[in-house]
Amino acid sequence: MDNLNPLLIAIVPALLTYLGTKYKSQNEREQYASSAWKQLYDETKQQLGENKVRMDRMQADMTDLRKQMDEMKTKHAKEVKELEHQNAELKEENRQLRVENGNLKNQLIEKERSNEIK
């Protein structure tokens, strides 16, 4: 037994130191893992926030673009209508000029005939 006491006196503190170190390093690993997860969570949360802001801006841009497209469609339809009206007027004017031209040709032919008869 006398030989056992000095051995226990040497082993017990070493064993306690080992267990304390093991517990401490495990605790440190858990704290590190916990802080790493927290950091990852915070970064992900920040990225989600930034992405939400970007999505909101994109949706606002899309709304503006749709509005501009609707305005352009309305303007285009109005211009087409005006051009169709102008085209109809020009066709009518062209028809009248052809009739007038035909009448003038007929008058010229009549004058030439009357000059030949004389």
N, C-alpha and C. Protein backbone atom coordinates (compact mmCIF):
# COMPACT_ATOMS: atom_id res chain seq x y z
N MET A 1 0.80 -1.18 0.00
CA MET A 1 0.00 0.00 0.00
C MET A 1 0.85 1.25 0.00
N ASP A 2 1.96 1.16 0.71
CA ASP A 2 2.82 2.33 0.76
C ASP A 2 3.32 2.70 -0.63
N ASN A 3 3.51 1.71 -1.43
CA ASN A 3 3.97 1.99 -2.79
C ASN A 3 2.84 2.55 -3.66
N LEU A 4 1.63 2.29 -3.28
CA LEU A 4 0.48 2.72 -4.06
C LEU A 4 0.18 4.21 -3.87
N ASN A 5 0.38 4.71 -2.67
CA ASN A 5 0.08 6.12 -2.39
C ASN A 5 0.87 7.09 -3.26
N PRO A 6 2.20 6.94 -3.35
CA PRO A 6 2.92 7.89 -4.21
C PRO A 6 2.50 7.77 -5.68
N LEU A 7 2.16 6.56 -6.06
CA LEU A 7 1.70 6.37 -7.44
C LEU A 7 0.37 7.09 -7.65
N LEU A 8 -0.55 6.93 -6.71
CA LEU A 8 -1.84 7.63 -6.81
C LEU A 8 -1.66 9.14 -6.75
N ILE A 9 -0.75 9.57 -5.90
CA ILE A 9 -0.49 11.01 -5.79
C ILE A 9 0.02 11.55 -7.11
N ALA A 10 0.74 10.80 -7.87
CA ALA A 10 1.25 11.24 -9.16
C ALA A 10 0.20 11.11 -10.26
N ILE A 11 -0.57 10.03 -10.21
CA ILE A 11 -1.51 9.75 -11.29
C ILE A 11 -2.78 10.60 -11.19
N VAL A 12 -3.32 10.77 -9.99
CA VAL A 12 -4.60 11.48 -9.84
C VAL A 12 -4.50 12.92 -10.35
N PRO A 13 -3.51 13.72 -9.97
CA PRO A 13 -3.46 15.08 -10.53
C PRO A 13 -3.26 15.08 -12.04
N ALA A 14 -2.45 14.15 -12.54
CA ALA A 14 -2.25 14.07 -13.99
C ALA A 14 -3.56 13.72 -14.69
N LEU A 15 -4.29 12.78 -14.10
CA LEU A 15 -5.57 12.39 -14.68
C LEU A 15 -6.57 13.55 -14.62
N LEU A 16 -6.60 14.24 -13.50
CA LEU A 16 -7.50 15.39 -13.38
C LEU A 16 -7.11 16.50 -14.36
N THR A 17 -5.82 16.72 -14.52
CA THR A 17 -5.35 17.73 -15.48
C THR A 17 -5.76 17.33 -16.90
N TYR A 18 -5.56 16.05 -17.21
CA TYR A 18 -5.95 15.56 -18.54
C TYR A 18 -7.45 15.74 -18.77
N LEU A 19 -8.26 15.33 -17.80
CA LEU A 19 -9.71 15.47 -17.95
C LEU A 19 -10.12 16.94 -18.04
N GLY A 20 -9.47 17.78 -17.25
CA GLY A 20 -9.76 19.22 -17.31
C GLY A 20 -9.40 19.80 -18.66
N THR A 21 -8.25 19.41 -19.19
CA THR A 21 -7.82 19.88 -20.51
C THR A 21 -8.77 19.37 -21.59
N LYS A 22 -9.14 18.09 -21.45
CA LYS A 22 -10.06 17.52 -22.43
C LYS A 22 -11.40 18.26 -22.39
N TYR A 23 -11.90 18.52 -21.18
CA TYR A 23 -13.17 19.23 -21.05
C TYR A 23 -13.04 20.65 -21.60
N LYS A 24 -11.89 21.30 -21.28
CA LYS A 24 -11.67 22.67 -21.74
C LYS A 24 -11.60 22.71 -23.26
N SER A 25 -10.84 21.79 -23.87
CA SER A 25 -10.72 21.82 -25.33
C SER A 25 -12.05 21.47 -25.99
N GLN A 26 -12.82 20.56 -25.39
CA GLN A 26 -14.13 20.24 -25.94
C GLN A 26 -15.05 21.46 -25.83
N ASN A 27 -15.00 22.13 -24.71
CA ASN A 27 -15.80 23.33 -24.51
C ASN A 27 -15.40 24.41 -25.51
N GLU A 28 -14.08 24.58 -25.71
CA GLU A 28 -13.60 25.56 -26.69
C GLU A 28 -14.08 25.20 -28.10
N ARG A 29 -14.03 23.89 -28.44
CA ARG A 29 -14.50 23.47 -29.77
C ARG A 29 -15.99 23.77 -29.92
N GLU A 30 -16.76 23.50 -28.87
CA GLU A 30 -18.19 23.77 -28.94
C GLU A 30 -18.45 25.27 -29.07
N GLN A 31 -17.68 26.07 -28.32
CA GLN A 31 -17.84 27.52 -28.43
C GLN A 31 -17.45 28.00 -29.82
N TYR A 32 -16.35 27.45 -30.36
CA TYR A 32 -15.91 27.83 -31.70
C TYR A 32 -16.97 27.44 -32.73
N ALA A 33 -17.49 26.21 -32.60
CA ALA A 33 -18.53 25.76 -33.53
C ALA A 33 -19.76 26.63 -33.40
N SER A 34 -20.11 26.97 -32.17
CA SER A 34 -21.27 27.82 -31.94
C SER A 34 -21.06 29.19 -32.56
N SER A 35 -19.87 29.76 -32.38
CA SER A 35 -19.61 31.08 -32.96
C SER A 35 -19.53 31.00 -34.48
N ALA A 36 -19.01 29.90 -35.01
CA ALA A 36 -18.97 29.73 -36.47
C ALA A 36 -20.38 29.64 -37.03
N TRP A 37 -21.26 28.89 -36.35
CA TRP A 37 -22.65 28.80 -36.81
C TRP A 37 -23.34 30.16 -36.70
N LYS A 38 -23.06 30.88 -35.63
CA LYS A 38 -23.67 32.21 -35.46
C LYS A 38 -23.19 33.14 -36.57
N GLN A 39 -21.90 33.09 -36.87
CA GLN A 39 -21.36 33.93 -37.93
C GLN A 39 -21.99 33.56 -39.27
N LEU A 40 -22.10 32.26 -39.54
CA LEU A 40 -22.73 31.81 -40.78
C LEU A 40 -24.18 32.26 -40.84
N TYR A 41 -24.88 32.14 -39.72
CA TYR A 41 -26.28 32.57 -39.64
C TYR A 41 -26.39 34.07 -39.90
N ASP A 42 -25.51 34.86 -39.27
CA ASP A 42 -25.54 36.31 -39.45
C ASP A 42 -25.24 36.69 -40.90
N GLU A 43 -24.24 36.03 -41.51
CA GLU A 43 -23.91 36.31 -42.91
C GLU A 43 -25.07 35.95 -43.82
N THR A 44 -25.68 34.80 -43.57
CA THR A 44 -26.82 34.37 -44.39
C THR A 44 -27.98 35.34 -44.24
N LYS A 45 -28.23 35.76 -43.01
CA LYS A 45 -29.31 36.71 -42.75
C LYS A 45 -29.04 38.03 -43.47
N GLN A 46 -27.79 38.49 -43.43
CA GLN A 46 -27.42 39.73 -44.11
C GLN A 46 -27.60 39.59 -45.62
N GLN A 47 -27.15 38.47 -46.18
CA GLN A 47 -27.30 38.24 -47.61
C GLN A 47 -28.77 38.18 -48.01
N LEU A 48 -29.59 37.54 -47.18
CA LEU A 48 -31.02 37.49 -47.46
C LEU A 48 -31.62 38.89 -47.45
N GLY A 49 -31.19 39.70 -46.51
CA GLY A 49 -31.67 41.09 -46.45
C GLY A 49 -31.27 41.87 -47.69
N GLU A 50 -30.01 41.72 -48.10
CA GLU A 50 -29.53 42.40 -49.30
C GLU A 50 -30.28 41.91 -50.54
N ASN A 51 -30.49 40.59 -50.61
CA ASN A 51 -31.23 40.04 -51.76
C ASN A 51 -32.66 40.54 -51.79
N LYS A 52 -33.28 40.69 -50.62
CA LYS A 52 -34.65 41.20 -50.56
C LYS A 52 -34.69 42.64 -51.08
N VAL A 53 -33.71 43.44 -50.67
CA VAL A 53 -33.64 44.83 -51.14
C VAL A 53 -33.47 44.85 -52.66
N ARG A 54 -32.58 44.00 -53.17
CA ARG A 54 -32.38 43.93 -54.63
C ARG A 54 -33.65 43.49 -55.35
N MET A 55 -34.33 42.49 -54.78
CA MET A 55 -35.58 42.02 -55.39
C MET A 55 -36.63 43.13 -55.40
N ASP A 56 -36.72 43.87 -54.30
CA ASP A 56 -37.68 44.97 -54.24
C ASP A 56 -37.36 46.02 -55.30
N ARG A 57 -36.06 46.33 -55.46
CA ARG A 57 -35.66 47.30 -56.49
C ARG A 57 -35.99 46.77 -57.88
N MET A 58 -35.72 45.49 -58.11
CA MET A 58 -36.02 44.90 -59.42
C MET A 58 -37.52 44.93 -59.70
N GLN A 59 -38.33 44.64 -58.69
CA GLN A 59 -39.77 44.68 -58.88
C GLN A 59 -40.23 46.10 -59.18
N ALA A 60 -39.64 47.09 -58.51
CA ALA A 60 -39.98 48.48 -58.79
C ALA A 60 -39.57 48.84 -60.22
N ASP A 61 -38.39 48.38 -60.64
CA ASP A 61 -37.94 48.62 -62.01
C ASP A 61 -38.89 47.96 -63.01
N MET A 62 -39.30 46.74 -62.72
CA MET A 62 -40.24 46.04 -63.61
C MET A 62 -41.56 46.79 -63.71
N THR A 63 -42.04 47.32 -62.59
CA THR A 63 -43.28 48.09 -62.60
C THR A 63 -43.11 49.33 -63.47
N ASP A 64 -41.97 50.02 -63.32
CA ASP A 64 -41.71 51.20 -64.15
C ASP A 64 -41.64 50.83 -65.63
N LEU A 65 -40.96 49.72 -65.93
CA LEU A 65 -40.84 49.30 -67.33
C LEU A 65 -42.21 48.93 -67.92
N ARG A 66 -43.04 48.25 -67.13
CA ARG A 66 -44.38 47.92 -67.62
C ARG A 66 -45.18 49.19 -67.90
N LYS A 67 -45.04 50.16 -67.01
CA LYS A 67 -45.74 51.44 -67.20
C LYS A 67 -45.26 52.12 -68.48
N GLN A 68 -43.95 52.14 -68.67
CA GLN A 68 -43.39 52.75 -69.88
C GLN A 68 -43.87 52.01 -71.13
N MET A 69 -43.92 50.67 -71.06
CA MET A 69 -44.39 49.90 -72.21
C MET A 69 -45.85 50.21 -72.52
N ASP A 70 -46.66 50.32 -71.48
CA ASP A 70 -48.07 50.66 -71.70
C ASP A 70 -48.21 52.04 -72.33
N GLU A 71 -47.40 53.00 -71.85
CA GLU A 71 -47.43 54.35 -72.43
C GLU A 71 -47.00 54.31 -73.89
N MET A 72 -45.96 53.52 -74.18
CA MET A 72 -45.47 53.42 -75.56
C MET A 72 -46.52 52.76 -76.45
N LYS A 73 -47.20 51.73 -75.94
CA LYS A 73 -48.26 51.08 -76.73
C LYS A 73 -49.37 52.06 -77.04
N THR A 74 -49.77 52.84 -76.03
CA THR A 74 -50.84 53.82 -76.23
C THR A 74 -50.41 54.86 -77.25
N LYS A 75 -49.18 55.36 -77.11
CA LYS A 75 -48.66 56.37 -78.04
C LYS A 75 -48.58 55.78 -79.45
N HIS A 76 -48.11 54.55 -79.55
CA HIS A 76 -47.98 53.90 -80.86
C HIS A 76 -49.36 53.74 -81.51
N ALA A 77 -50.33 53.30 -80.73
CA ALA A 77 -51.69 53.12 -81.28
C ALA A 77 -52.24 54.45 -81.76
N LYS A 78 -51.98 55.52 -81.01
CA LYS A 78 -52.46 56.85 -81.40
C LYS A 78 -51.77 57.29 -82.70
N GLU A 79 -50.47 57.08 -82.79
CA GLU A 79 -49.73 57.46 -84.00
C GLU A 79 -50.22 56.66 -85.20
N VAL A 80 -50.48 55.37 -85.01
CA VAL A 80 -50.98 54.53 -86.11
C VAL A 80 -52.33 55.06 -86.58
N LYS A 81 -53.19 55.41 -85.64
CA LYS A 81 -54.50 55.93 -85.99
C LYS A 81 -54.37 57.23 -86.79
N GLU A 82 -53.48 58.13 -86.32
CA GLU A 82 -53.26 59.39 -87.02
C GLU A 82 -52.71 59.14 -88.43
N LEU A 83 -51.77 58.21 -88.55
CA LEU A 83 -51.20 57.92 -89.87
C LEU A 83 -52.23 57.28 -90.79
N GLU A 84 -53.09 56.43 -90.25
CA GLU A 84 -54.15 55.84 -91.07
C GLU A 84 -55.11 56.92 -91.57
N HIS A 85 -55.43 57.87 -90.69
CA HIS A 85 -56.32 58.98 -91.09
C HIS A 85 -55.64 59.82 -92.17
N GLN A 86 -54.36 60.14 -91.96
CA GLN A 86 -53.61 60.92 -92.94
C GLN A 86 -53.52 60.17 -94.27
N ASN A 87 -53.31 58.86 -94.21
CA ASN A 87 -53.25 58.04 -95.41
C ASN A 87 -54.58 58.07 -96.16
N ALA A 88 -55.69 57.98 -95.42
CA ALA A 88 -57.01 58.04 -96.06
C ALA A 88 -57.22 59.38 -96.74
N GLU A 89 -56.82 60.48 -96.08
CA GLU A 89 -56.95 61.81 -96.69
C GLU A 89 -56.12 61.91 -97.96
N LEU A 90 -54.88 61.39 -97.90
CA LEU A 90 -54.01 61.45 -99.09
C LEU A 90 -54.56 60.59 -100.23
N LYS A 91 -55.15 59.46 -99.91
CA LYS A 91 -55.76 58.63 -100.95
C LYS A 91 -56.92 59.36 -101.61
N GLU A 92 -57.73 60.03 -100.79
CA GLU A 92 -58.87 60.79 -101.35
C GLU A 92 -58.36 61.93 -102.22
N GLU A 93 -57.33 62.64 -101.74
CA GLU A 93 -56.76 63.73 -102.53
C GLU A 93 -56.18 63.19 -103.83
N ASN A 94 -55.50 62.06 -103.77
CA ASN A 94 -54.94 61.43 -104.97
C ASN A 94 -56.05 61.05 -105.95
N ARG A 95 -57.15 60.50 -105.43
CA ARG A 95 -58.28 60.14 -106.28
C ARG A 95 -58.85 61.38 -106.98
N GLN A 96 -59.00 62.47 -106.22
CA GLN A 96 -59.54 63.70 -106.80
C GLN A 96 -58.60 64.26 -107.87
N LEU A 97 -57.29 64.19 -107.60
CA LEU A 97 -56.32 64.68 -108.58
C LEU A 97 -56.35 63.83 -109.86
N ARG A 98 -56.55 62.54 -109.73
CA ARG A 98 -56.65 61.68 -110.91
C ARG A 98 -57.89 62.03 -111.73
N VAL A 99 -59.00 62.27 -111.01
CA VAL A 99 -60.23 62.66 -111.71
C VAL A 99 -60.01 63.98 -112.43
N GLU A 100 -59.41 64.94 -111.72
CA GLU A 100 -59.15 66.25 -112.33
C GLU A 100 -58.20 66.11 -113.51
N ASN A 101 -57.17 65.27 -113.34
CA ASN A 101 -56.22 65.05 -114.43
C ASN A 101 -56.93 64.42 -115.64
N GLY A 102 -57.80 63.46 -115.36
CA GLY A 102 -58.57 62.84 -116.45
C GLY A 102 -59.45 63.86 -117.14
N ASN A 103 -60.10 64.73 -116.39
CA ASN A 103 -60.95 65.77 -116.98
C ASN A 103 -60.13 66.71 -117.83
N LEU A 104 -58.96 67.11 -117.32
CA LEU A 104 -58.10 68.02 -118.09
C LEU A 104 -57.61 67.35 -119.38
N LYS A 105 -57.29 66.05 -119.31
CA LYS A 105 -56.87 65.34 -120.52
C LYS A 105 -58.02 65.32 -121.53
N ASN A 106 -59.22 65.06 -121.03
CA ASN A 106 -60.38 65.05 -121.93
C ASN A 106 -60.60 66.41 -122.55
N GLN A 107 -60.45 67.48 -121.78
CA GLN A 107 -60.61 68.84 -122.32
C GLN A 107 -59.56 69.12 -123.37
N LEU A 108 -58.31 68.67 -123.09
CA LEU A 108 -57.24 68.88 -124.06
C LEU A 108 -57.53 68.13 -125.35
N ILE A 109 -58.00 66.90 -125.22
CA ILE A 109 -58.34 66.12 -126.41
C ILE A 109 -59.46 66.80 -127.18
N GLU A 110 -60.45 67.32 -126.49
CA GLU A 110 -61.57 68.02 -127.14
C GLU A 110 -61.07 69.26 -127.86
N LYS A 111 -60.16 70.01 -127.23
CA LYS A 111 -59.62 71.22 -127.88
C LYS A 111 -58.83 70.85 -129.11
N GLU A 112 -58.03 69.78 -129.01
CA GLU A 112 -57.24 69.35 -130.17
C GLU A 112 -58.17 68.94 -131.31
N ARG A 113 -59.24 68.26 -130.99
CA ARG A 113 -60.20 67.85 -132.03
C ARG A 113 -60.88 69.07 -132.64
N SER A 114 -61.22 70.00 -131.77
CA SER A 114 -61.90 71.19 -132.30
C SER A 114 -60.93 72.01 -133.14
N ASN A 115 -59.65 72.02 -132.80
CA ASN A 115 -58.66 72.74 -133.60
C ASN A 115 -58.42 72.02 -134.93
N GLU A 116 -58.53 70.71 -134.94
CA GLU A 116 -58.34 69.97 -136.17
C GLU A 116 -59.51 70.20 -137.11
N ILE A 117 -60.68 70.34 -136.54
CA ILE A 117 -61.88 70.52 -137.35
C ILE A 117 -61.83 71.89 -138.02
N LYS A 118 -61.35 72.86 -137.42
CA LYS A 118 -61.32 74.20 -137.98
C LYS A 118 -60.38 74.26 -139.08
